[in-house]
Amino acid sequence: MSTDGLELSPYGEAAEAGNAAEDPLELGLAERALRRTLRPGDPFERARYARADDMREFGLLLLTGLVLPNAPAGAIDQLKLRSLTDGPFLGADADGMKTDGVDVPQLREYLDADDGLRVGGVGGVELLDTGGAGSSGWDLLASLLHPEWDQRPSAAEALAHPFFEAEMAIY
């Protein structure tokens, strides 16, 4: 957007016309934001997008906080985990366009297959399984990291998720 918020920036105009050489954010965020707003620069829609982006970051923090401390030292680090969520497990919207969301079921499958992420047979994957179907941490992450940003829960909805009430098994 231009500094007055009323017009597209040169990049925005190029992206809208399909002529942008390179997305400065490398994830298509600018293009998605322009495509998903009621009108470019709409402050209410930008605020909704910002809140949804905060929920995405909360989801990534939750994922990091449960997977990394429950893996053997050196098995995985924050950069590797983030590169998985921002790379091969990047989500796509209904149109097939890559988004800042995460394909959580595929990420879970990948992490579950890596026995090196467990200490004594238990790791972050198992902790996120707590609560069972529809109530697990993976279910919560799927909503927080939803590919369609406008489908992500509010903070109050996320904190009311049954995962936070589930009894964690002690191994």
C-alpha atoms as a PDB file:
ATOM      1  CA  MET A   1       0.000   0.000   0.000  1.00  0.00           C
ATOM      2  CA  SER A   2       1.021   3.576  -0.411  1.00  0.00           C
ATOM      3  CA  THR A   3       1.805   5.574   2.720  1.00  0.00           C
ATOM      4  CA  ASP A   4      -1.683   7.120   2.712  1.00  0.00           C
ATOM      5  CA  GLY A   5      -3.238   3.607   2.564  1.00  0.00           C
ATOM      6  CA  LEU A   6      -5.461   4.519  -0.376  1.00  0.00           C
ATOM      7  CA  GLU A   7      -3.489   3.205  -3.311  1.00  0.00           C
ATOM      8  CA  LEU A   8      -1.437   0.151  -4.140  1.00  0.00           C
ATOM      9  CA  SER A   9       2.316   0.441  -3.884  1.00  0.00           C
ATOM     10  CA  PRO A  10       4.313  -0.157  -7.067  1.00  0.00           C
ATOM     11  CA  TYR A  11       4.826  -3.753  -5.875  1.00  0.00           C
ATOM     12  CA  GLY A  12       1.109  -4.129  -5.164  1.00  0.00           C
ATOM     13  CA  GLU A  13       0.217  -2.887  -8.634  1.00  0.00           C
ATOM     14  CA  ALA A  14       2.746  -5.271 -10.181  1.00  0.00           C
ATOM     15  CA  ALA A  15       1.444  -8.193  -8.079  1.00  0.00           C
ATOM     16  CA  GLU A  16      -2.163  -7.423  -8.972  1.00  0.00           C
ATOM     17  CA  ALA A  17      -1.215  -7.335 -12.657  1.00  0.00           C
ATOM     18  CA  GLY A  18       0.787 -10.562 -12.288  1.00  0.00           C
ATOM     19  CA  ASN A  19       4.066  -8.819 -13.064  1.00  0.00           C
ATOM     20  CA  ALA A  20       5.786  -8.929  -9.673  1.00  0.00           C
ATOM     21  CA  ALA A  21       9.272 -10.283 -10.171  1.00  0.00           C
ATOM     22  CA  GLU A  22       9.656 -11.395  -6.576  1.00  0.00           C
ATOM     23  CA  ASP A  23       7.510 -11.277  -3.472  1.00  0.00           C
ATOM     24  CA  PRO A  24       9.497  -9.283  -0.896  1.00  0.00           C
ATOM     25  CA  LEU A  25       8.111 -11.506   1.875  1.00  0.00           C
ATOM     26  CA  GLU A  26       8.859 -14.703  -0.073  1.00  0.00           C
ATOM     27  CA  LEU A  27       5.626 -16.315   1.119  1.00  0.00           C
ATOM     28  CA  GLY A  28       3.058 -14.476  -0.983  1.00  0.00           C
ATOM     29  CA  LEU A  29       1.732 -12.623   2.063  1.00  0.00           C
ATOM     30  CA  ALA A  30       1.360  -9.326   0.244  1.00  0.00           C
ATOM     31  CA  GLU A  31      -0.512 -10.909  -2.640  1.00  0.00           C
ATOM     32  CA  ARG A  32      -2.769 -12.893  -0.297  1.00  0.00           C
ATOM     33  CA  ALA A  33      -3.543  -9.844   1.809  1.00  0.00           C
ATOM     34  CA  LEU A  34      -4.485  -7.874  -1.301  1.00  0.00           C
ATOM     35  CA  ARG A  35      -6.538 -10.740  -2.704  1.00  0.00           C
ATOM     36  CA  ARG A  36      -8.419 -11.381   0.545  1.00  0.00           C
ATOM     37  CA  THR A  37      -9.373  -7.855   1.546  1.00  0.00           C
ATOM     38  CA  LEU A  38     -12.729  -6.254   0.787  1.00  0.00           C
ATOM     39  CA  ARG A  39     -10.849  -3.429  -0.835  1.00  0.00           C
ATOM     40  CA  PRO A  40      -7.114  -2.780  -0.728  1.00  0.00           C
ATOM     41  CA  GLY A  41      -6.253  -0.848   2.398  1.00  0.00           C
ATOM     42  CA  ASP A  42      -9.478  -1.584   4.269  1.00  0.00           C
ATOM     43  CA  PRO A  43      -8.375  -1.037   7.897  1.00  0.00           C
ATOM     44  CA  PHE A  44     -10.897  -3.468   9.396  1.00  0.00           C
ATOM     45  CA  GLU A  45      -9.803  -6.289   7.111  1.00  0.00           C
ATOM     46  CA  ARG A  46      -6.133  -5.522   7.775  1.00  0.00           C
ATOM     47  CA  ALA A  47      -6.844  -5.689  11.529  1.00  0.00           C
ATOM     48  CA  ARG A  48      -8.604  -9.058  11.108  1.00  0.00           C
ATOM     49  CA  TYR A  49      -5.625 -10.349   9.132  1.00  0.00           C
ATOM     50  CA  ALA A  50      -3.213  -9.107  11.834  1.00  0.00           C
ATOM     51  CA  ARG A  51      -5.180 -10.925  14.551  1.00  0.00           C
ATOM     52  CA  ALA A  52      -5.194 -14.110  12.462  1.00  0.00           C
ATOM     53  CA  ASP A  53      -1.453 -13.753  11.952  1.00  0.00           C
ATOM     54  CA  ASP A  54      -1.007 -13.446  15.737  1.00  0.00           C
ATOM     55  CA  MET A  55      -2.923 -16.715  16.149  1.00  0.00           C
ATOM     56  CA  ARG A  56      -0.599 -18.348  13.622  1.00  0.00           C
ATOM     57  CA  GLU A  57       2.391 -17.228  15.667  1.00  0.00           C
ATOM     58  CA  PHE A  58       0.729 -18.574  18.825  1.00  0.00           C
ATOM     59  CA  GLY A  59       0.319 -21.927  17.067  1.00  0.00           C
ATOM     60  CA  LEU A  60       3.974 -21.969  16.056  1.00  0.00           C
ATOM     61  CA  LEU A  61       4.979 -21.075  19.622  1.00  0.00           C
ATOM     62  CA  LEU A  62       2.822 -23.914  20.984  1.00  0.00           C
ATOM     63  CA  LEU A  63       4.327 -26.361  18.485  1.00  0.00           C
ATOM     64  CA  THR A  64       7.847 -25.254  19.360  1.00  0.00           C
ATOM     65  CA  GLY A  65       7.178 -25.313  23.094  1.00  0.00           C
ATOM     66  CA  LEU A  66       5.942 -28.907  23.046  1.00  0.00           C
ATOM     67  CA  VAL A  67       8.206 -30.485  20.438  1.00  0.00           C
ATOM     68  CA  LEU A  68      11.654 -29.018  21.154  1.00  0.00           C
ATOM     69  CA  PRO A  69      11.915 -29.570  24.929  1.00  0.00           C
ATOM     70  CA  ASN A  70      10.645 -33.141  24.532  1.00  0.00           C
ATOM     71  CA  ALA A  71      13.221 -34.170  21.938  1.00  0.00           C
ATOM     72  CA  PRO A  72      16.775 -35.341  22.633  1.00  0.00           C
ATOM     73  CA  ALA A  73      19.388 -32.594  22.542  1.00  0.00           C
ATOM     74  CA  GLY A  74      20.388 -31.840  18.963  1.00  0.00           C
ATOM     75  CA  ALA A  75      17.584 -33.892  17.377  1.00  0.00           C
ATOM     76  CA  ILE A  76      15.774 -30.803  16.113  1.00  0.00           C
ATOM     77  CA  ASP A  77      16.114 -27.087  16.706  1.00  0.00           C
ATOM     78  CA  GLN A  78      13.857 -24.083  16.317  1.00  0.00           C
ATOM     79  CA  LEU A  79      15.256 -23.186  12.894  1.00  0.00           C
ATOM     80  CA  LYS A  80      14.707 -26.715  11.538  1.00  0.00           C
ATOM     81  CA  LEU A  81      11.143 -26.831  12.897  1.00  0.00           C
ATOM     82  CA  ARG A  82      10.352 -23.410  11.439  1.00  0.00           C
ATOM     83  CA  SER A  83      11.843 -24.395   8.091  1.00  0.00           C
ATOM     84  CA  LEU A  84       9.471 -27.394   8.035  1.00  0.00           C
ATOM     85  CA  THR A  85       6.390 -25.253   8.733  1.00  0.00           C
ATOM     86  CA  ASP A  86       7.451 -22.580   6.237  1.00  0.00           C
ATOM     87  CA  GLY A  87       8.694 -25.022   3.603  1.00  0.00           C
ATOM     88  CA  PRO A  88       7.566 -28.527   2.765  1.00  0.00           C
ATOM     89  CA  PHE A  89       4.514 -28.384   5.044  1.00  0.00           C
ATOM     90  CA  LEU A  90       3.285 -24.969   3.963  1.00  0.00           C
ATOM     91  CA  GLY A  91      -0.493 -25.001   3.588  1.00  0.00           C
ATOM     92  CA  ALA A  92      -2.555 -24.080   0.541  1.00  0.00           C
ATOM     93  CA  ASP A  93      -5.936 -22.372   0.354  1.00  0.00           C
ATOM     94  CA  ALA A  94      -8.988 -23.676  -1.515  1.00  0.00           C
ATOM     95  CA  ASP A  95      -7.570 -22.233  -4.754  1.00  0.00           C
ATOM     96  CA  GLY A  96      -4.312 -24.161  -4.311  1.00  0.00           C
ATOM     97  CA  MET A  97      -2.340 -21.001  -3.587  1.00  0.00           C
ATOM     98  CA  LYS A  98       0.374 -21.434  -0.956  1.00  0.00           C
ATOM     99  CA  THR A  99      -0.437 -19.587   2.255  1.00  0.00           C
ATOM    100  CA  ASP A 100       1.237 -18.936   5.584  1.00  0.00           C
ATOM    101  CA  GLY A 101      -0.800 -21.807   7.034  1.00  0.00           C
ATOM    102  CA  VAL A 102       0.620 -25.237   7.757  1.00  0.00           C
ATOM    103  CA  ASP A 103      -0.460 -28.686   6.586  1.00  0.00           C
ATOM    104  CA  VAL A 104      -0.648 -29.928  10.185  1.00  0.00           C
ATOM    105  CA  PRO A 105      -1.666 -33.572   9.465  1.00  0.00           C
ATOM    106  CA  GLN A 106       1.326 -33.995   7.136  1.00  0.00           C
ATOM    107  CA  LEU A 107       3.669 -32.286   9.613  1.00  0.00           C
ATOM    108  CA  ARG A 108       2.431 -34.592  12.391  1.00  0.00           C
ATOM    109  CA  GLU A 109       2.995 -37.653  10.214  1.00  0.00           C
ATOM    110  CA  TYR A 110       6.532 -36.494   9.399  1.00  0.00           C
ATOM    111  CA  LEU A 111       7.442 -35.773  13.027  1.00  0.00           C
ATOM    112  CA  ASP A 112       5.821 -39.018  14.225  1.00  0.00           C
ATOM    113  CA  ALA A 113       7.941 -41.046  11.799  1.00  0.00           C
ATOM    114  CA  ASP A 114      11.168 -39.650  13.293  1.00  0.00           C
ATOM    115  CA  ASP A 115      11.953 -41.850  16.315  1.00  0.00           C
ATOM    116  CA  GLY A 116      14.967 -39.619  17.006  1.00  0.00           C
ATOM    117  CA  LEU A 117      12.592 -36.952  18.361  1.00  0.00           C
ATOM    118  CA  ARG A 118      11.622 -39.074  21.374  1.00  0.00           C
ATOM    119  CA  VAL A 119      13.184 -39.569  24.776  1.00  0.00           C
ATOM    120  CA  GLY A 120      12.276 -42.999  26.134  1.00  0.00           C
ATOM    121  CA  GLY A 121       9.683 -43.453  23.395  1.00  0.00           C
ATOM    122  CA  VAL A 122       7.844 -40.213  24.200  1.00  0.00           C
ATOM    123  CA  GLY A 123       8.083 -36.817  22.547  1.00  0.00           C
ATOM    124  CA  GLY A 124       6.135 -33.739  21.513  1.00  0.00           C
ATOM    125  CA  VAL A 125       4.005 -35.695  19.035  1.00  0.00           C
ATOM    126  CA  GLU A 126       2.591 -37.802  21.856  1.00  0.00           C
ATOM    127  CA  LEU A 127       2.002 -34.767  24.085  1.00  0.00           C
ATOM    128  CA  LEU A 128       0.084 -33.078  21.269  1.00  0.00           C
ATOM    129  CA  ASP A 129      -1.978 -36.264  20.851  1.00  0.00           C
ATOM    130  CA  THR A 130      -3.363 -35.689  24.368  1.00  0.00           C
ATOM    131  CA  GLY A 131      -7.101 -35.193  24.396  1.00  0.00           C
ATOM    132  CA  GLY A 132      -7.914 -37.535  21.530  1.00  0.00           C
ATOM    133  CA  ALA A 133      -9.660 -36.834  18.241  1.00  0.00           C
ATOM    134  CA  GLY A 134     -11.197 -33.369  18.035  1.00  0.00           C
ATOM    135  CA  SER A 135      -9.619 -32.319  21.322  1.00  0.00           C
ATOM    136  CA  SER A 136      -5.915 -32.916  20.751  1.00  0.00           C
ATOM    137  CA  GLY A 137      -3.158 -30.381  20.480  1.00  0.00           C
ATOM    138  CA  TRP A 138      -2.903 -31.284  16.804  1.00  0.00           C
ATOM    139  CA  ASP A 139      -6.541 -30.302  16.358  1.00  0.00           C
ATOM    140  CA  LEU A 140      -5.811 -26.981  18.065  1.00  0.00           C
ATOM    141  CA  LEU A 141      -2.727 -26.450  15.898  1.00  0.00           C
ATOM    142  CA  ALA A 142      -4.732 -27.230  12.743  1.00  0.00           C
ATOM    143  CA  SER A 143      -7.122 -24.404  13.610  1.00  0.00           C
ATOM    144  CA  LEU A 144      -4.384 -21.954  14.650  1.00  0.00           C
ATOM    145  CA  LEU A 145      -2.326 -22.690  11.530  1.00  0.00           C
ATOM    146  CA  HIS A 146      -5.295 -22.990   9.169  1.00  0.00           C
ATOM    147  CA  PRO A 147      -4.330 -22.194   5.555  1.00  0.00           C
ATOM    148  CA  GLU A 148      -7.291 -19.805   5.248  1.00  0.00           C
ATOM    149  CA  TRP A 149      -6.355 -16.987   7.640  1.00  0.00           C
ATOM    150  CA  ASP A 150      -9.975 -15.942   8.134  1.00  0.00           C
ATOM    151  CA  GLN A 151     -10.783 -19.439   9.478  1.00  0.00           C
ATOM    152  CA  ARG A 152      -8.373 -19.177  12.415  1.00  0.00           C
ATOM    153  CA  PRO A 153      -9.896 -18.902  15.891  1.00  0.00           C
ATOM    154  CA  SER A 154      -9.830 -15.844  18.087  1.00  0.00           C
ATOM    155  CA  ALA A 155      -7.582 -15.889  21.157  1.00  0.00           C
ATOM    156  CA  ALA A 156     -10.595 -16.607  23.393  1.00  0.00           C
ATOM    157  CA  GLU A 157     -11.690 -19.497  21.157  1.00  0.00           C
ATOM    158  CA  ALA A 158      -8.171 -20.936  21.104  1.00  0.00           C
ATOM    159  CA  LEU A 159      -7.795 -20.755  24.881  1.00  0.00           C
ATOM    160  CA  ALA A 160     -11.188 -22.455  25.318  1.00  0.00           C
ATOM    161  CA  HIS A 161     -10.004 -25.451  23.264  1.00  0.00           C
ATOM    162  CA  PRO A 162     -10.403 -28.792  25.126  1.00  0.00           C
ATOM    163  CA  PHE A 163      -6.675 -29.537  24.762  1.00  0.00           C
ATOM    164  CA  PHE A 164      -5.932 -27.127  27.592  1.00  0.00           C
ATOM    165  CA  GLU A 165      -8.226 -29.116  29.898  1.00  0.00           C
ATOM    166  CA  ALA A 166      -6.956 -32.571  28.878  1.00  0.00           C
ATOM    167  CA  GLU A 167      -5.057 -34.631  31.409  1.00  0.00           C
ATOM    168  CA  MET A 168      -1.526 -35.247  30.210  1.00  0.00           C
ATOM    169  CA  ALA A 169      -0.096 -38.676  30.851  1.00  0.00           C
ATOM    170  CA  ILE A 170       3.152 -38.764  32.791  1.00  0.00           C
ATOM    171  CA  TYR A 171       5.608 -41.237  31.321  1.00  0.00           C
END
